[in-house]
């Protein structure tokens, strides 16, 4: 076995390893489009809730319960989206 054959075997093994690693960590587009759509909706709803909580904090400083309710609700939505990202 000469040096060229050894280099070819190593290059093939490295290429195969990269393909397997890419499949494992980078799934690309979700196999289930409904999960991807749900994640997008949850993410946008979280952003709207977060902005609403900030507006409530500065516009209605005496309404702490409303601020915490909206803020906590936004965080719960983000946690659900985070769960969907890694489970599906």
C-alpha atoms as a PDB file:
ATOM      1  CA  UNK A   1       0.000   0.000   0.000  1.00  0.00           C
ATOM      2  CA  UNK A   2       1.554   3.294  -1.080  1.00  0.00           C
ATOM      3  CA  UNK A   3       1.112   6.825   0.243  1.00  0.00           C
ATOM      4  CA  UNK A   4      -1.489   7.794  -2.390  1.00  0.00           C
ATOM      5  CA  UNK A   5      -3.786   4.913  -1.429  1.00  0.00           C
ATOM      6  CA  UNK A   6      -3.494   5.765   2.265  1.00  0.00           C
ATOM      7  CA  UNK A   7      -4.282   9.440   1.566  1.00  0.00           C
ATOM      8  CA  UNK A   8      -7.313   8.438  -0.517  1.00  0.00           C
ATOM      9  CA  UNK A   9      -8.667   6.195   2.281  1.00  0.00           C
ATOM     10  CA  UNK A  10      -8.170   8.945   4.862  1.00  0.00           C
ATOM     11  CA  UNK A  11      -9.873  11.535   2.636  1.00  0.00           C
ATOM     12  CA  UNK A  12     -12.870   9.243   2.096  1.00  0.00           C
ATOM     13  CA  UNK A  13     -13.151   8.559   5.837  1.00  0.00           C
ATOM     14  CA  UNK A  14     -13.021  12.283   6.653  1.00  0.00           C
ATOM     15  CA  UNK A  15     -15.653  13.081   4.003  1.00  0.00           C
ATOM     16  CA  UNK A  16     -17.960  10.342   5.338  1.00  0.00           C
ATOM     17  CA  UNK A  17     -17.479  11.583   8.890  1.00  0.00           C
ATOM     18  CA  UNK A  18     -18.419  15.124   7.846  1.00  0.00           C
ATOM     19  CA  UNK A  19     -21.560  13.893   6.067  1.00  0.00           C
ATOM     20  CA  UNK A  20     -22.658  11.928   9.139  1.00  0.00           C
ATOM     21  CA  UNK A  21     -21.932  14.846  11.447  1.00  0.00           C
ATOM     22  CA  UNK A  22     -23.906  17.221   9.243  1.00  0.00           C
ATOM     23  CA  UNK A  23     -26.884  14.861   9.241  1.00  0.00           C
ATOM     24  CA  UNK A  24     -26.755  14.531  13.007  1.00  0.00           C
ATOM     25  CA  UNK A  25     -26.512  18.205  13.950  1.00  0.00           C
ATOM     26  CA  UNK A  26     -27.948  20.095  10.989  1.00  0.00           C
ATOM     27  CA  UNK A  27     -31.260  18.599  10.101  1.00  0.00           C
ATOM     28  CA  UNK A  28     -32.047  21.461   7.754  1.00  0.00           C
ATOM     29  CA  UNK A  29     -35.723  21.979   7.106  1.00  0.00           C
ATOM     30  CA  UNK A  30     -37.856  20.139   9.571  1.00  0.00           C
ATOM     31  CA  UNK A  31     -39.342  16.916   8.320  1.00  0.00           C
ATOM     32  CA  UNK A  32     -42.654  18.077   9.761  1.00  0.00           C
ATOM     33  CA  UNK A  33     -43.722  21.427   8.321  1.00  0.00           C
ATOM     34  CA  UNK A  34     -46.439  21.852  10.940  1.00  0.00           C
ATOM     35  CA  UNK A  35     -43.795  21.892  13.690  1.00  0.00           C
ATOM     36  CA  UNK A  36     -41.796  24.515  11.812  1.00  0.00           C
ATOM     37  CA  UNK A  37     -44.915  26.630  11.344  1.00  0.00           C
ATOM     38  CA  UNK A  38     -45.850  26.269  15.021  1.00  0.00           C
ATOM     39  CA  UNK A  39     -42.332  27.331  16.024  1.00  0.00           C
ATOM     40  CA  UNK A  40     -42.537  30.422  13.832  1.00  0.00           C
ATOM     41  CA  UNK A  41     -45.928  31.398  15.242  1.00  0.00           C
ATOM     42  CA  UNK A  42     -44.733  30.859  18.816  1.00  0.00           C
ATOM     43  CA  UNK A  43     -41.574  32.859  18.184  1.00  0.00           C
ATOM     44  CA  UNK A  44     -43.473  35.814  16.706  1.00  0.00           C
ATOM     45  CA  UNK A  45     -46.017  35.696  19.525  1.00  0.00           C
ATOM     46  CA  UNK A  46     -43.170  35.714  22.042  1.00  0.00           C
ATOM     47  CA  UNK A  47     -41.655  38.799  20.415  1.00  0.00           C
ATOM     48  CA  UNK A  48     -44.988  40.631  20.444  1.00  0.00           C
ATOM     49  CA  UNK A  49     -45.539  39.667  24.085  1.00  0.00           C
ATOM     50  CA  UNK A  50     -42.062  40.821  25.032  1.00  0.00           C
ATOM     51  CA  UNK A  51     -42.566  44.208  23.376  1.00  0.00           C
ATOM     52  CA  UNK A  52     -45.991  44.511  25.029  1.00  0.00           C
ATOM     53  CA  UNK A  53     -44.439  43.779  28.430  1.00  0.00           C
ATOM     54  CA  UNK A  54     -41.800  46.487  27.916  1.00  0.00           C
ATOM     55  CA  UNK A  55     -44.467  48.997  26.855  1.00  0.00           C
ATOM     56  CA  UNK A  56     -46.598  48.117  29.887  1.00  0.00           C
ATOM     57  CA  UNK A  57     -43.583  48.495  32.178  1.00  0.00           C
ATOM     58  CA  UNK A  58     -42.922  52.070  31.052  1.00  0.00           C
ATOM     59  CA  UNK A  59     -46.450  53.236  30.183  1.00  0.00           C
ATOM     60  CA  UNK A  60     -48.236  51.804  33.234  1.00  0.00           C
ATOM     61  CA  UNK A  61     -45.682  51.655  36.059  1.00  0.00           C
ATOM     62  CA  UNK A  62     -48.351  50.958  38.689  1.00  0.00           C
ATOM     63  CA  UNK A  63     -49.609  47.850  36.842  1.00  0.00           C
ATOM     64  CA  UNK A  64     -46.913  45.421  38.003  1.00  0.00           C
ATOM     65  CA  UNK A  65     -49.233  42.403  37.968  1.00  0.00           C
ATOM     66  CA  UNK A  66     -50.109  43.009  34.314  1.00  0.00           C
ATOM     67  CA  UNK A  67     -46.436  43.481  33.433  1.00  0.00           C
ATOM     68  CA  UNK A  68     -45.422  40.229  35.150  1.00  0.00           C
ATOM     69  CA  UNK A  69     -48.349  38.334  33.637  1.00  0.00           C
ATOM     70  CA  UNK A  70     -47.575  39.406  30.077  1.00  0.00           C
ATOM     71  CA  UNK A  71     -43.836  38.908  30.575  1.00  0.00           C
ATOM     72  CA  UNK A  72     -44.252  35.470  32.122  1.00  0.00           C
ATOM     73  CA  UNK A  73     -46.671  34.476  29.364  1.00  0.00           C
ATOM     74  CA  UNK A  74     -44.099  35.496  26.744  1.00  0.00           C
ATOM     75  CA  UNK A  75     -41.405  33.466  28.474  1.00  0.00           C
ATOM     76  CA  UNK A  76     -43.678  30.408  28.608  1.00  0.00           C
ATOM     77  CA  UNK A  77     -44.275  30.719  24.854  1.00  0.00           C
ATOM     78  CA  UNK A  78     -40.524  30.866  24.270  1.00  0.00           C
ATOM     79  CA  UNK A  79     -39.983  27.774  26.413  1.00  0.00           C
ATOM     80  CA  UNK A  80     -42.582  25.865  24.378  1.00  0.00           C
ATOM     81  CA  UNK A  81     -40.854  26.951  21.157  1.00  0.00           C
ATOM     82  CA  UNK A  82     -37.481  25.906  22.613  1.00  0.00           C
ATOM     83  CA  UNK A  83     -38.934  22.488  23.498  1.00  0.00           C
ATOM     84  CA  UNK A  84     -40.293  22.021  19.968  1.00  0.00           C
ATOM     85  CA  UNK A  85     -36.946  22.991  18.456  1.00  0.00           C
ATOM     86  CA  UNK A  86     -35.035  20.239  20.188  1.00  0.00           C
ATOM     87  CA  UNK A  87     -37.688  17.526  20.356  1.00  0.00           C
ATOM     88  CA  UNK A  88     -38.811  17.480  16.717  1.00  0.00           C
END
